[in-house]
Amino acid sequence: MRVLQARDWESSGPILQIKNLHVHYLTADGAVQAVRGVDFTLNAGQRLALVGESGCGKTTLALAIMRLLRPPAQIVEGEIWLDGRNLLALNDEEMRLTRLADVSLVTQAAMNALNPVMRIEDQIIDGLQDHGIQWSKDEFGGYVRSLLANVGLDASAARMFPHELSGGMKQRVGMATATALKPKLIIADEPTSALDVVVQRQVMTTLGRLQRETGAAVILVGHDMGLVAQFADWVGVMYAGKLVELSPVEQIVQDPQHPYSKLLIQSVPGLEEKRERLIGIPGMPPRLIDLPSGCLFAPRCPSAMEHCLQTEPSLEPVAGNRQVACYLYAESYSQNNGAEVNA
């Protein structure tokens, strides 16, 4: 049986570097600034979770990395480097071949990612062939069965159609497909949102094991802080298109720095201890057209100061190998540009 091994990557440095990324949705009312000046670095084998309220830019950022944005979305500024290659400089054919081979996506709606009139086996083989794999029918079949077995599915699933699978099984097919060519980066966009809690844990356990086996970096987009706390190494909190905090997961759960991060943690049923009542986040996120000056969270922030309404803070290092965009920590700011996720 044929088996594809994880490849040696071209560099020992960062796998993913996002530099000053801006993504706008161009509408009749103006440009919706969905992603605004995002910077971070991700190394091989690291797991970064992006969290925040709906509309904060998490999925837009993930799709920008995959270069799967469609009009009216447009990357207006910035760079996306994957293992030394600027993805924004690739032509459409080069990027098509980069997807699945170097960066892959596990989607939120697995059913929508599968062709309803093709058997599972044929869909996975189609992706392999599209990337130049030329094997015999038996070799393809054996490899597909091994991929399915690795995500806990019986070999019989290979000959099924998507509608014959449960939600959890379809999500496992998505993970099998995403890891078929041993990519350097796996992006999982809310992969458990439509699943019950038992299947959620099974899916995340499987994703974690696949990540360890391949050595790939993972970006997990999600709302569930409980799952994030169990899976991720680092957490990036997004608000109004920007990263406002980047921190090791243990530190952000125990001692969130940004006021938005604190309220986000408090609004979730006890991550560590049972709470008598949950605390909702007051107000609503801002419209991302014609943004006002100052910190965009200031109108909702219990710790807002006058200066917060005048100039928007940038993401800067603070104690404990963390980065926060908040004037509460102005005395800890340095001249660093951007943020790095360090092991």
Protein backbone atom coordinates (compact mmCIF):
# COMPACT_ATOMS: atom_id res chain seq x y z
CA MET A 1 0.00 0.00 0.00
CA ARG A 2 1.26 3.45 -0.91
CA VAL A 3 1.86 5.90 1.95
CA LEU A 4 2.81 9.56 1.66
CA GLN A 5 5.28 10.66 4.30
CA ALA A 6 5.43 14.09 5.87
CA ARG A 7 7.93 16.10 3.86
CA ASP A 8 11.03 17.92 5.00
CA TRP A 9 10.19 21.59 4.85
CA GLU A 10 12.43 24.10 3.14
CA SER A 11 13.30 26.08 6.25
CA SER A 12 13.61 25.58 9.97
CA GLY A 13 12.15 29.03 10.59
CA PRO A 14 8.54 30.15 10.84
CA ILE A 15 5.93 28.25 8.84
CA LEU A 16 3.46 31.14 8.59
CA GLN A 17 4.07 34.87 8.73
CA ILE A 18 1.24 37.38 8.41
CA LYS A 19 2.46 40.94 7.88
CA ASN A 20 0.18 43.98 8.13
CA LEU A 21 -2.74 42.19 6.48
CA HIS A 22 -5.79 44.25 5.50
CA VAL A 23 -8.92 42.75 3.93
CA HIS A 24 -11.87 44.89 2.83
CA TYR A 25 -15.34 44.06 1.56
CA LEU A 26 -16.10 46.69 -1.08
CA THR A 27 -19.76 47.70 -0.85
CA ALA A 28 -21.93 50.52 -2.15
CA ASP A 29 -21.77 52.13 1.29
CA GLY A 30 -18.00 51.97 1.47
CA ALA A 31 -15.21 49.55 2.40
CA VAL A 32 -15.96 47.16 5.25
CA GLN A 33 -12.58 46.76 6.98
CA ALA A 34 -12.93 43.12 7.97
CA VAL A 35 -9.23 42.53 8.75
CA ARG A 36 -7.08 45.47 9.83
CA GLY A 37 -3.32 45.29 10.13
CA VAL A 38 -2.99 41.75 11.46
CA ASP A 39 0.56 40.56 12.21
CA PHE A 40 1.69 37.26 13.68
CA THR A 41 4.16 34.43 13.19
CA LEU A 42 3.41 30.71 13.61
CA ASN A 43 6.04 28.00 13.88
CA ALA A 44 5.84 24.33 12.90
CA GLY A 45 3.78 22.18 15.24
CA GLN A 46 2.11 25.10 17.00
CA ARG A 47 -1.63 25.42 17.51
CA LEU A 48 -3.13 28.89 17.39
CA ALA A 49 -6.81 29.51 18.10
CA LEU A 50 -8.52 32.64 16.80
CA VAL A 51 -11.50 33.64 18.94
CA GLY A 52 -13.93 36.53 19.11
CA GLU A 53 -17.52 37.49 18.41
CA SER A 54 -19.13 36.85 15.03
CA GLY A 55 -17.97 39.40 12.49
CA CYS A 56 -14.59 40.05 14.12
CA GLY A 57 -12.65 38.82 11.07
CA LYS A 58 -11.60 35.29 12.06
CA THR A 59 -12.99 33.44 9.03
CA THR A 60 -12.03 36.26 6.66
CA LEU A 61 -8.44 35.96 7.88
CA ALA A 62 -8.50 32.17 7.42
CA LEU A 63 -9.88 32.45 3.88
CA ALA A 64 -7.32 35.13 3.06
CA ILE A 65 -4.52 32.72 3.97
CA MET A 66 -6.10 30.13 1.67
CA ARG A 67 -6.70 32.82 -0.96
CA LEU A 68 -10.30 31.68 -1.20
CA LEU A 69 -11.86 35.13 -0.75
CA ARG A 70 -14.32 36.13 -3.44
CA PRO A 71 -15.61 39.57 -4.45
CA PRO A 72 -16.52 41.89 -2.89
CA ALA A 73 -13.71 40.78 -0.54
CA GLN A 74 -10.27 42.04 -1.45
CA ILE A 75 -6.82 41.88 0.15
CA VAL A 76 -5.76 45.52 -0.06
CA GLU A 77 -2.45 45.39 1.79
CA GLY A 78 -0.06 43.02 3.49
CA GLU A 79 1.89 39.81 3.00
CA ILE A 80 1.23 36.14 3.73
CA TRP A 81 4.37 33.98 3.83
CA LEU A 82 4.13 30.19 4.03
CA ASP A 83 7.47 28.49 4.57
CA GLY A 84 9.33 31.24 2.75
CA ARG A 85 6.85 31.75 -0.12
CA ASN A 86 4.67 34.84 -0.40
CA LEU A 87 1.24 33.38 -1.16
CA LEU A 88 -0.03 36.70 -2.45
CA ALA A 89 2.63 36.66 -5.16
CA LEU A 90 1.55 33.28 -6.57
CA ASN A 91 -0.59 33.07 -9.68
CA ASP A 92 -3.90 31.19 -9.59
CA GLU A 93 -2.43 27.90 -10.80
CA GLU A 94 0.45 28.02 -8.32
CA MET A 95 -1.95 28.77 -5.49
CA ARG A 96 -4.28 25.97 -6.57
CA LEU A 97 -1.42 23.50 -6.29
CA THR A 98 -0.38 24.99 -2.93
CA ARG A 99 -3.81 24.29 -1.44
CA LEU A 100 -4.06 20.78 -0.01
CA ALA A 101 -0.33 20.18 -0.56
CA ASP A 102 1.04 22.95 1.70
CA VAL A 103 -2.02 24.51 3.36
CA SER A 104 -5.38 22.82 3.77
CA LEU A 105 -8.78 23.77 5.13
CA VAL A 106 -11.21 21.84 7.33
CA THR A 107 -14.44 23.73 6.78
CA GLN A 108 -17.26 24.57 9.16
CA ALA A 109 -19.94 22.97 6.98
CA ALA A 110 -18.49 19.62 5.91
CA MET A 111 -21.52 18.76 3.78
CA ASN A 112 -20.99 21.88 1.68
CA ALA A 113 -17.36 20.94 1.12
CA LEU A 114 -18.23 17.50 -0.30
CA ASN A 115 -19.61 16.76 -3.75
CA PRO A 116 -23.04 15.18 -3.12
CA VAL A 117 -22.91 13.01 -6.28
CA MET A 118 -19.40 11.56 -5.79
CA ARG A 119 -18.39 8.76 -3.47
CA ILE A 120 -15.97 9.68 -0.71
CA GLU A 121 -13.18 7.60 -2.20
CA ASP A 122 -13.47 9.28 -5.59
CA GLN A 123 -13.38 12.77 -4.05
CA ILE A 124 -10.17 12.10 -2.14
CA ILE A 125 -8.55 10.44 -5.15
CA ASP A 126 -9.54 13.40 -7.32
CA GLY A 127 -7.57 15.72 -5.04
CA LEU A 128 -4.52 13.45 -5.10
CA GLN A 129 -4.56 13.17 -8.88
CA ASP A 130 -5.02 16.90 -9.25
CA HIS A 131 -1.69 17.32 -7.44
CA GLY A 132 0.18 14.94 -9.73
CA ILE A 133 -0.11 11.65 -7.81
CA GLN A 134 -0.15 8.79 -10.33
CA TRP A 135 -0.87 5.42 -8.76
CA SER A 136 -2.80 2.35 -9.73
CA LYS A 137 -6.46 1.99 -8.75
CA ASP A 138 -5.56 -0.45 -5.99
CA GLU A 139 -2.86 1.84 -4.63
CA PHE A 140 -5.25 4.77 -4.52
CA GLY A 141 -7.90 2.62 -2.85
CA GLY A 142 -5.50 1.37 -0.21
CA TYR A 143 -4.26 4.86 0.59
CA VAL A 144 -7.78 6.25 0.90
CA ARG A 145 -8.75 3.45 3.27
CA SER A 146 -5.67 4.18 5.38
CA LEU A 147 -6.60 7.87 5.54
CA LEU A 148 -10.12 7.01 6.65
CA ALA A 149 -8.89 4.52 9.22
CA ASN A 150 -6.58 7.19 10.61
CA VAL A 151 -9.59 9.38 11.41
CA GLY A 152 -11.60 6.51 12.88
CA LEU A 153 -13.78 5.61 9.89
CA ASP A 154 -14.44 2.12 8.58
CA ALA A 155 -13.19 1.23 5.10
CA SER A 156 -16.82 0.97 3.95
CA ALA A 157 -17.12 4.77 4.20
CA ALA A 158 -14.95 5.05 1.09
CA ARG A 159 -17.79 3.84 -1.13
CA MET A 160 -20.49 5.95 0.52
CA PHE A 161 -21.99 9.22 -0.67
CA PRO A 162 -21.87 12.25 1.67
CA HIS A 163 -25.57 12.04 2.53
CA GLU A 164 -25.02 8.55 3.94
CA LEU A 165 -22.64 9.87 6.60
CA SER A 166 -23.44 11.55 9.91
CA GLY A 167 -22.19 15.07 10.64
CA GLY A 168 -19.27 13.77 12.65
CA MET A 169 -18.33 11.28 9.94
CA LYS A 170 -18.40 14.00 7.28
CA GLN A 171 -16.12 16.16 9.43
CA ARG A 172 -13.70 13.23 9.75
CA VAL A 173 -13.73 12.84 5.95
CA GLY A 174 -12.81 16.53 5.78
CA MET A 175 -9.85 15.95 8.09
CA ALA A 176 -8.74 12.88 6.12
CA THR A 177 -8.83 14.92 2.92
CA ALA A 178 -7.06 17.89 4.51
CA THR A 179 -4.14 15.73 5.65
CA ALA A 180 -3.88 13.53 2.55
CA LEU A 181 -0.79 15.36 1.22
CA LYS A 182 0.77 16.10 4.63
CA PRO A 183 0.45 19.92 4.52
CA LYS A 184 2.55 22.34 6.51
CA LEU A 185 -0.48 24.25 7.80
CA ILE A 186 -4.02 23.09 8.61
CA ILE A 187 -6.76 25.68 9.04
CA ALA A 188 -9.85 24.42 10.86
CA ASP A 189 -12.76 26.86 10.62
CA GLU A 190 -15.16 26.06 13.48
CA PRO A 191 -14.96 22.33 12.68
CA THR A 192 -17.32 21.30 15.51
CA SER A 193 -20.00 24.00 15.39
CA ALA A 194 -22.84 21.73 14.22
CA LEU A 195 -21.92 18.66 16.29
CA ASP A 196 -23.03 17.45 19.71
CA VAL A 197 -20.58 17.74 22.59
CA VAL A 198 -19.45 14.10 22.52
CA VAL A 199 -18.67 14.19 18.80
CA GLN A 200 -17.02 17.59 19.22
CA ARG A 201 -14.49 16.13 21.61
CA GLN A 202 -13.87 13.14 19.33
CA VAL A 203 -13.30 15.39 16.32
CA MET A 204 -10.90 17.66 18.20
CA THR A 205 -9.01 14.68 19.60
CA THR A 206 -8.62 13.30 16.09
CA LEU A 207 -7.47 16.67 14.75
CA GLY A 208 -4.90 16.93 17.51
CA ARG A 209 -3.53 13.48 16.77
CA LEU A 210 -3.29 14.19 13.04
CA GLN A 211 -1.45 17.41 13.79
CA ARG A 212 1.08 15.63 15.98
CA GLU A 213 1.64 12.91 13.37
CA THR A 214 2.25 15.36 10.53
CA GLY A 215 4.02 18.07 12.52
CA ALA A 216 1.85 20.68 10.85
CA ALA A 217 0.90 23.98 12.40
CA VAL A 218 -2.81 24.49 13.05
CA ILE A 219 -5.02 27.57 13.08
CA LEU A 220 -8.32 26.85 14.80
CA VAL A 221 -11.15 29.34 14.28
CA GLY A 222 -13.80 29.00 16.96
CA HIS A 223 -16.16 30.41 19.55
CA ASP A 224 -16.02 27.62 22.13
CA MET A 225 -13.41 28.66 24.69
CA GLY A 226 -13.72 25.27 26.38
CA LEU A 227 -12.56 23.44 23.27
CA VAL A 228 -9.96 26.11 22.58
CA ALA A 229 -8.50 25.74 26.08
CA GLN A 230 -8.14 21.99 25.58
CA PHE A 231 -6.65 22.14 22.08
CA ALA A 232 -4.65 25.29 21.45
CA ASP A 233 -1.16 26.33 22.55
CA TRP A 234 -1.81 30.00 21.84
CA VAL A 235 -4.93 32.14 21.58
CA GLY A 236 -5.38 35.20 19.40
CA VAL A 237 -8.35 37.35 20.39
CA MET A 238 -9.81 39.36 17.51
CA TYR A 239 -12.06 42.39 17.78
CA ALA A 240 -13.30 44.55 14.89
CA GLY A 241 -10.79 43.03 12.49
CA LYS A 242 -7.71 43.36 14.70
CA LEU A 243 -5.76 41.16 17.06
CA VAL A 244 -6.17 42.70 20.50
CA GLU A 245 -4.43 39.97 22.50
CA LEU A 246 -2.06 37.13 21.69
CA SER A 247 -1.15 34.86 24.57
CA PRO A 248 -0.35 31.30 25.65
CA VAL A 249 -3.64 29.55 26.33
CA GLU A 250 -3.00 28.89 30.03
CA GLN A 251 -2.23 32.54 30.69
CA ILE A 252 -5.21 33.94 28.83
CA VAL A 253 -7.63 31.56 30.56
CA GLN A 254 -6.24 32.29 34.02
CA ASP A 255 -5.39 35.97 33.61
CA PRO A 256 -6.70 37.65 30.43
CA GLN A 257 -5.14 41.06 29.88
CA HIS A 258 -7.31 42.95 27.39
CA PRO A 259 -10.71 44.05 28.79
CA TYR A 260 -12.43 42.39 25.82
CA SER A 261 -10.62 39.11 26.52
CA LYS A 262 -11.72 39.29 30.17
CA LEU A 263 -15.37 39.81 29.22
CA LEU A 264 -15.14 37.06 26.60
CA ILE A 265 -13.88 34.61 29.22
CA GLN A 266 -16.51 35.71 31.74
CA SER A 267 -19.30 35.17 29.23
CA VAL A 268 -18.48 31.47 28.90
CA PRO A 269 -19.75 28.79 31.35
CA GLY A 270 -16.95 28.06 33.84
CA LEU A 271 -13.73 27.01 32.15
CA GLU A 272 -12.22 26.21 35.54
CA GLU A 273 -14.98 26.73 38.09
CA LYS A 274 -18.76 26.95 38.08
CA ARG A 275 -20.14 30.48 37.95
CA GLU A 276 -23.42 31.50 39.54
CA ARG A 277 -24.20 33.83 36.64
CA LEU A 278 -22.64 34.63 33.31
CA ILE A 279 -21.62 38.18 32.47
CA GLY A 280 -22.59 39.32 28.99
CA ILE A 281 -20.53 41.80 27.00
CA PRO A 282 -22.39 45.13 26.94
CA GLY A 283 -23.16 46.91 23.69
CA MET A 284 -22.55 45.80 20.13
CA PRO A 285 -19.45 45.54 17.93
CA PRO A 286 -18.89 48.58 15.70
CA ARG A 287 -19.82 48.83 12.03
CA LEU A 288 -16.60 48.40 10.10
CA ILE A 289 -17.39 51.24 7.67
CA ASP A 290 -16.15 54.77 8.43
CA LEU A 291 -14.53 53.68 11.67
CA PRO A 292 -14.20 56.25 14.44
CA SER A 293 -10.87 57.24 15.92
CA GLY A 294 -9.51 55.58 19.04
CA CYS A 295 -9.92 52.08 20.40
CA LEU A 296 -12.99 50.50 18.83
CA PHE A 297 -13.74 48.58 22.02
CA ALA A 298 -13.76 51.74 24.14
CA PRO A 299 -17.56 52.30 23.98
CA ARG A 300 -18.08 48.84 25.53
CA CYS A 301 -15.03 48.82 27.80
CA PRO A 302 -15.41 49.15 31.60
CA SER A 303 -11.82 50.44 31.84
CA ALA A 304 -11.88 53.01 29.01
CA MET A 305 -9.89 56.22 29.51
CA GLU A 306 -10.11 59.52 27.65
CA HIS A 307 -7.03 58.68 25.62
CA CYS A 308 -8.68 55.47 24.39
CA LEU A 309 -11.18 57.56 22.39
CA GLN A 310 -8.46 59.45 20.54
CA THR A 311 -5.85 56.98 19.28
CA GLU A 312 -6.16 53.25 18.61
CA PRO A 313 -3.57 51.20 20.52
CA SER A 314 -1.31 48.82 18.64
CA LEU A 315 -0.49 45.23 19.59
CA GLU A 316 2.59 45.44 21.79
CA PRO A 317 4.59 43.06 24.02
CA VAL A 318 3.84 42.90 27.72
CA ALA A 319 5.18 40.70 30.50
CA GLY A 320 4.96 36.94 30.14
CA ASN A 321 5.67 36.66 26.40
CA ARG A 322 2.26 38.11 25.60
CA GLN A 323 1.01 40.86 23.29
CA VAL A 324 -1.88 43.20 24.07
CA ALA A 325 -3.41 46.22 22.33
CA CYS A 326 -4.53 48.29 25.31
CA TYR A 327 -3.41 51.52 26.98
CA LEU A 328 -3.76 49.89 30.39
CA TYR A 329 -0.35 48.38 29.68
CA ALA A 330 1.26 51.39 28.01
CA GLU A 331 4.17 51.40 30.47
CA SER A 332 5.15 47.91 29.23
CA TYR A 333 5.20 48.82 25.52
CA SER A 334 8.37 48.37 23.49
CA GLN A 335 9.28 49.28 19.93
CA ASN A 336 8.52 45.78 18.59
CA ASN A 337 6.59 45.61 15.33
CA GLY A 338 4.10 42.75 15.08
CA ALA A 339 3.72 39.71 17.27
CA GLU A 340 5.36 36.34 17.33
CA VAL A 341 3.98 33.08 18.66
CA ASN A 342 6.94 31.53 20.44
CA ALA A 343 7.05 27.96 21.67
